[in-house]
């Protein structure tokens, strides 16, 4: 019998609900606690999972049954919560982006290293079966020497929509997204972090030596300064390979995660969503995990529901890897160092846009 790790989730928004579901059924997990500021949500989770609910995460960290926590709160809370979790002796998983600055990431890395707890940066693309299969094909030489990778993440936040208005007015559980103090920025830090980390993962974490970015804030309805709508970012790696990422809140066509990998003897194309055998055209809109970003009333037209989506998107695999790393006393393969490296590239991207020049890394 595999020993079960006592697990808990702090933050029960759309991604927190996914982690809670998986922790309730992964063989190495015993879900024992959840935390949310919203009393109605907390009561619902207590009933559904038979766990202890907390409104104060510090009280959860005092729970001796909790050995490992997943932090899925807005980004500005990640640093403080992760450090306090490490001080409480808890192993720590943190959702993307790792923090809102490299400085915060350094503090988090220092804490987990000093206190000897395991740390994982929850980047699901590094665990999604289609993306990991592509990496294995590259590793066995299936496309020759890879010289270029393009990856993108986008969603279809329609201009003038109910969802866009709610985010701008800071209503609902996405009230932090268009607040640059709480989110760290716009689509570069909150969506571009996915393809950036995947290209790093594909290239075996070779250092990036130069970054150039173009950003626009002119696509959607007016937002606070610092919330960009779309970005194109180019990375030059130390081994001379190139990676480009695209991110947008407004790319028409629904949720999109794609990658193109080019070798001198072949090509790999990845499409996480629209490759699916199911296509739906709904005039009414419907509720589906894929569309957690948007309310059902905005989720209309052609959509491509993913069978067994949470498994296909890598959430199960990343959490199970985290728990197995704890039980085997080894550091997860995607950890806070990767979150920091991604943030370093993101910060260089913002600087590049502001100066109009490519930015060399590491930054001074």
Foldseek 3Di string as FASTA:
>chain_A
DAAAAEEEEEDCALVSVLLLVLLLDDPNHDDAEYEDLDPVVQVVCCVVRVHHYYPDVLVVLQPPSHAEYEYDAFQQCQLVSLLSSLVSNHAYEYEFLNHLFLVSLVSNVVRCVVSVHAFFYPQQLCQQVVLVVVLVCVVVQVQHAWFEKEKEWEFAPDAPDPLVVCCQVLHDRNSQQLPCSRRNAAFCRVPVLNVVLSVCVSVVNAAWFKKAKAFAQPDHDDTPPRHTAKMWMKTQGPVRGIYIYIYGHRDPDGTWIWMWIHHPRDIDIDTLFPVAPDKDAAPQFDDDSSVSSDDRNVRHGIGGDDVVNSNNSRSSVSVSQRSVCRVVVHHRPHGSVSSSSSNQNSVQHVVNNVVVHMDTPPDD
